[in-house]
Amino acid sequence: MTTAIPSESARINLRTSPEAKALIERAAALMGTTVSSFMLQNAYEAARKLVEENDTLHLSQRAFAEFSAACEQAAEPTPALRALMARR
């Protein structure tokens, strides 16, 4: 895996079934890494993807064009905005 993880140290503890532990240990051995490293790399990558999907807005070209056009159109100021801007 190529994801770079910051080198600062913080602890995460978790409990799991013996079956899940055995499978994770086997997978880590197949990857030639420690259980901690295997779990950290996989959890970090899954978390990064989930956060990226949550933080990214995907629009069709049509929707983006409509959004851009709406942003470029100046709205008429409301009476409240006019009053606010008239204050000193």
N, C-alpha and C. Protein backbone atom coordinates (compact mmCIF):
# COMPACT_ATOMS: atom_id res chain seq x y z
N MET A 1 0.84 -1.18 0.00
CA MET A 1 0.00 0.00 0.00
C MET A 1 0.89 1.24 0.00
N THR A 2 0.44 2.29 -0.67
CA THR A 2 1.28 3.45 -0.83
C THR A 2 0.83 4.66 -0.01
N THR A 3 -0.23 4.52 0.77
CA THR A 3 -0.72 5.65 1.54
C THR A 3 0.26 5.99 2.65
N ALA A 4 0.68 7.25 2.70
CA ALA A 4 1.59 7.68 3.75
C ALA A 4 0.78 8.09 4.96
N ILE A 5 1.13 7.54 6.11
CA ILE A 5 0.43 7.84 7.34
C ILE A 5 1.37 8.66 8.22
N PRO A 6 0.87 9.74 8.82
CA PRO A 6 1.72 10.54 9.69
C PRO A 6 2.41 9.67 10.74
N SER A 7 3.62 10.03 11.12
CA SER A 7 4.43 9.18 12.01
C SER A 7 4.20 9.44 13.50
N GLU A 8 3.39 10.41 13.87
CA GLU A 8 3.10 10.62 15.29
C GLU A 8 2.38 9.40 15.83
N SER A 9 2.50 9.17 17.12
CA SER A 9 1.97 7.96 17.71
C SER A 9 0.74 8.25 18.56
N ALA A 10 -0.34 7.54 18.30
CA ALA A 10 -1.55 7.58 19.12
C ALA A 10 -2.12 6.17 19.14
N ARG A 11 -2.74 5.79 20.22
CA ARG A 11 -3.20 4.42 20.39
C ARG A 11 -4.68 4.29 20.05
N ILE A 12 -5.03 3.19 19.38
CA ILE A 12 -6.42 2.79 19.13
C ILE A 12 -6.54 1.36 19.61
N ASN A 13 -7.47 1.09 20.51
CA ASN A 13 -7.70 -0.27 21.00
C ASN A 13 -9.03 -0.76 20.45
N LEU A 14 -9.09 -2.05 20.15
CA LEU A 14 -10.36 -2.62 19.71
C LEU A 14 -10.44 -4.08 20.10
N ARG A 15 -11.64 -4.57 20.16
CA ARG A 15 -11.89 -5.98 20.46
C ARG A 15 -12.52 -6.61 19.23
N THR A 16 -12.23 -7.89 19.04
CA THR A 16 -12.79 -8.60 17.90
C THR A 16 -12.95 -10.08 18.25
N SER A 17 -13.57 -10.79 17.38
CA SER A 17 -13.74 -12.23 17.60
C SER A 17 -12.42 -12.95 17.29
N PRO A 18 -12.26 -14.14 17.85
CA PRO A 18 -11.05 -14.91 17.53
C PRO A 18 -10.93 -15.21 16.03
N GLU A 19 -12.07 -15.42 15.39
CA GLU A 19 -12.04 -15.71 13.94
C GLU A 19 -11.54 -14.51 13.15
N ALA A 20 -12.04 -13.32 13.49
CA ALA A 20 -11.60 -12.11 12.79
C ALA A 20 -10.12 -11.85 13.05
N LYS A 21 -9.69 -12.07 14.28
CA LYS A 21 -8.28 -11.88 14.62
C LYS A 21 -7.40 -12.82 13.81
N ALA A 22 -7.79 -14.06 13.72
CA ALA A 22 -7.00 -15.05 12.97
C ALA A 22 -6.93 -14.67 11.49
N LEU A 23 -8.03 -14.22 10.94
CA LEU A 23 -8.04 -13.84 9.53
C LEU A 23 -7.16 -12.62 9.29
N ILE A 24 -7.24 -11.64 10.18
CA ILE A 24 -6.40 -10.44 10.05
C ILE A 24 -4.92 -10.80 10.18
N GLU A 25 -4.61 -11.67 11.13
CA GLU A 25 -3.22 -12.10 11.28
C GLU A 25 -2.73 -12.81 10.03
N ARG A 26 -3.57 -13.65 9.45
CA ARG A 26 -3.19 -14.35 8.21
C ARG A 26 -2.97 -13.36 7.07
N ALA A 27 -3.88 -12.41 6.93
CA ALA A 27 -3.75 -11.40 5.87
C ALA A 27 -2.48 -10.58 6.05
N ALA A 28 -2.18 -10.19 7.29
CA ALA A 28 -0.97 -9.42 7.56
C ALA A 28 0.27 -10.24 7.19
N ALA A 29 0.26 -11.51 7.53
CA ALA A 29 1.40 -12.38 7.19
C ALA A 29 1.55 -12.50 5.68
N LEU A 30 0.45 -12.63 4.98
CA LEU A 30 0.51 -12.71 3.51
C LEU A 30 1.07 -11.44 2.89
N MET A 31 0.81 -10.31 3.55
CA MET A 31 1.33 -9.02 3.06
C MET A 31 2.77 -8.79 3.54
N GLY A 32 3.25 -9.64 4.44
CA GLY A 32 4.60 -9.48 4.96
C GLY A 32 4.73 -8.29 5.90
N THR A 33 3.69 -8.03 6.67
CA THR A 33 3.70 -6.89 7.58
C THR A 33 3.14 -7.29 8.93
N THR A 34 3.17 -6.39 9.88
CA THR A 34 2.61 -6.67 11.20
C THR A 34 1.10 -6.48 11.16
N VAL A 35 0.44 -7.05 12.15
CA VAL A 35 -1.01 -6.87 12.27
C VAL A 35 -1.33 -5.39 12.43
N SER A 36 -0.58 -4.70 13.29
CA SER A 36 -0.83 -3.27 13.50
C SER A 36 -0.70 -2.48 12.21
N SER A 37 0.38 -2.74 11.48
CA SER A 37 0.60 -2.01 10.23
C SER A 37 -0.49 -2.34 9.21
N PHE A 38 -0.85 -3.61 9.12
CA PHE A 38 -1.90 -4.04 8.19
C PHE A 38 -3.22 -3.34 8.51
N MET A 39 -3.59 -3.36 9.79
CA MET A 39 -4.86 -2.75 10.18
C MET A 39 -4.83 -1.24 10.00
N LEU A 40 -3.72 -0.61 10.35
CA LEU A 40 -3.62 0.83 10.22
C LEU A 40 -3.71 1.26 8.76
N GLN A 41 -2.97 0.59 7.89
CA GLN A 41 -3.00 0.95 6.47
C GLN A 41 -4.40 0.80 5.89
N ASN A 42 -5.05 -0.31 6.19
CA ASN A 42 -6.38 -0.56 5.63
C ASN A 42 -7.45 0.35 6.23
N ALA A 43 -7.40 0.57 7.53
CA ALA A 43 -8.37 1.46 8.17
C ALA A 43 -8.16 2.89 7.71
N TYR A 44 -6.91 3.32 7.60
CA TYR A 44 -6.60 4.68 7.17
C TYR A 44 -7.09 4.92 5.74
N GLU A 45 -6.84 3.98 4.85
CA GLU A 45 -7.27 4.14 3.46
C GLU A 45 -8.80 4.14 3.36
N ALA A 46 -9.46 3.26 4.10
CA ALA A 46 -10.93 3.24 4.08
C ALA A 46 -11.49 4.55 4.63
N ALA A 47 -10.91 5.06 5.69
CA ALA A 47 -11.36 6.33 6.27
C ALA A 47 -11.12 7.49 5.31
N ARG A 48 -9.96 7.51 4.67
CA ARG A 48 -9.65 8.58 3.72
C ARG A 48 -10.64 8.59 2.57
N LYS A 49 -10.95 7.42 2.03
CA LYS A 49 -11.91 7.33 0.92
C LYS A 49 -13.30 7.79 1.36
N LEU A 50 -13.73 7.37 2.54
CA LEU A 50 -15.05 7.74 3.02
C LEU A 50 -15.17 9.24 3.23
N VAL A 51 -14.15 9.83 3.85
CA VAL A 51 -14.17 11.27 4.08
C VAL A 51 -14.12 12.02 2.75
N GLU A 52 -13.30 11.55 1.82
CA GLU A 52 -13.23 12.20 0.51
C GLU A 52 -14.57 12.15 -0.22
N GLU A 53 -15.23 10.98 -0.17
CA GLU A 53 -16.55 10.86 -0.80
C GLU A 53 -17.56 11.80 -0.15
N ASN A 54 -17.48 11.94 1.17
CA ASN A 54 -18.40 12.81 1.88
C ASN A 54 -18.13 14.29 1.59
N ASP A 55 -16.86 14.64 1.42
CA ASP A 55 -16.47 16.04 1.24
C ASP A 55 -16.46 16.50 -0.20
N THR A 56 -16.68 15.60 -1.14
CA THR A 56 -16.62 15.94 -2.56
C THR A 56 -18.03 15.97 -3.14
N LEU A 57 -18.31 17.03 -3.86
CA LEU A 57 -19.60 17.18 -4.51
C LEU A 57 -19.43 16.89 -6.00
N HIS A 58 -20.18 15.93 -6.52
CA HIS A 58 -20.09 15.59 -7.93
C HIS A 58 -21.32 16.13 -8.65
N LEU A 59 -21.08 16.88 -9.71
CA LEU A 59 -22.17 17.44 -10.50
C LEU A 59 -22.00 17.04 -11.96
N SER A 60 -23.13 16.88 -12.63
CA SER A 60 -23.05 16.69 -14.08
C SER A 60 -22.61 18.02 -14.69
N GLN A 61 -22.20 17.99 -15.94
CA GLN A 61 -21.80 19.24 -16.60
C GLN A 61 -22.96 20.22 -16.65
N ARG A 62 -24.15 19.70 -16.88
CA ARG A 62 -25.33 20.57 -16.93
C ARG A 62 -25.58 21.22 -15.57
N ALA A 63 -25.54 20.41 -14.51
CA ALA A 63 -25.77 20.95 -13.17
C ALA A 63 -24.69 21.96 -12.80
N PHE A 64 -23.44 21.69 -13.19
CA PHE A 64 -22.37 22.63 -12.89
C PHE A 64 -22.58 23.93 -13.64
N ALA A 65 -23.00 23.85 -14.91
CA ALA A 65 -23.26 25.06 -15.70
C ALA A 65 -24.38 25.88 -15.07
N GLU A 66 -25.44 25.21 -14.61
CA GLU A 66 -26.54 25.90 -13.96
C GLU A 66 -26.08 26.54 -12.64
N PHE A 67 -25.28 25.83 -11.88
CA PHE A 67 -24.75 26.36 -10.63
C PHE A 67 -23.87 27.58 -10.89
N SER A 68 -22.99 27.47 -11.88
CA SER A 68 -22.09 28.59 -12.21
C SER A 68 -22.89 29.81 -12.66
N ALA A 69 -23.90 29.59 -13.49
CA ALA A 69 -24.72 30.70 -13.96
C ALA A 69 -25.45 31.36 -12.79
N ALA A 70 -25.96 30.56 -11.86
CA ALA A 70 -26.66 31.12 -10.71
C ALA A 70 -25.71 31.94 -9.84
N CYS A 71 -24.47 31.47 -9.71
CA CYS A 71 -23.49 32.21 -8.90
C CYS A 71 -23.09 33.53 -9.55
N GLU A 72 -23.12 33.57 -10.85
CA GLU A 72 -22.71 34.78 -11.57
C GLU A 72 -23.80 35.84 -11.64
N GLN A 73 -25.03 35.46 -11.38
CA GLN A 73 -26.14 36.42 -11.42
C GLN A 73 -26.25 37.11 -10.06
N ALA A 74 -26.09 38.41 -10.08
CA ALA A 74 -26.21 39.16 -8.83
C ALA A 74 -27.68 39.26 -8.44
N ALA A 75 -27.96 38.96 -7.20
CA ALA A 75 -29.33 39.07 -6.71
C ALA A 75 -29.64 40.53 -6.40
N GLU A 76 -30.89 40.90 -6.54
CA GLU A 76 -31.31 42.24 -6.18
C GLU A 76 -31.23 42.39 -4.67
N PRO A 77 -30.67 43.50 -4.19
CA PRO A 77 -30.58 43.67 -2.74
C PRO A 77 -31.97 43.83 -2.12
N THR A 78 -32.13 43.24 -0.97
CA THR A 78 -33.39 43.33 -0.24
C THR A 78 -33.41 44.65 0.53
N PRO A 79 -34.60 45.08 0.98
CA PRO A 79 -34.65 46.30 1.80
C PRO A 79 -33.77 46.20 3.05
N ALA A 80 -33.72 45.03 3.68
CA ALA A 80 -32.88 44.86 4.87
C ALA A 80 -31.40 45.04 4.52
N LEU A 81 -30.99 44.52 3.38
CA LEU A 81 -29.60 44.69 2.97
C LEU A 81 -29.29 46.15 2.66
N ARG A 82 -30.23 46.81 2.00
CA ARG A 82 -30.03 48.25 1.70
C ARG A 82 -29.89 49.04 3.00
N ALA A 83 -30.73 48.73 3.98
CA ALA A 83 -30.67 49.44 5.27
C ALA A 83 -29.35 49.16 5.96
N LEU A 84 -28.91 47.93 5.92
CA LEU A 84 -27.64 47.58 6.55
C LEU A 84 -26.48 48.30 5.89
N MET A 85 -26.48 48.35 4.57
CA MET A 85 -25.39 49.00 3.86
C MET A 85 -25.42 50.53 4.01
N ALA A 86 -26.57 51.08 4.37
CA ALA A 86 -26.69 52.52 4.55
C ALA A 86 -26.17 52.96 5.93
N ARG A 87 -25.98 52.03 6.84
CA ARG A 87 -25.46 52.37 8.18
C ARG A 87 -24.02 52.86 8.10
N ARG A 88 -23.69 53.68 9.05
CA ARG A 88 -22.29 54.17 9.13
C ARG A 88 -21.59 53.51 10.26
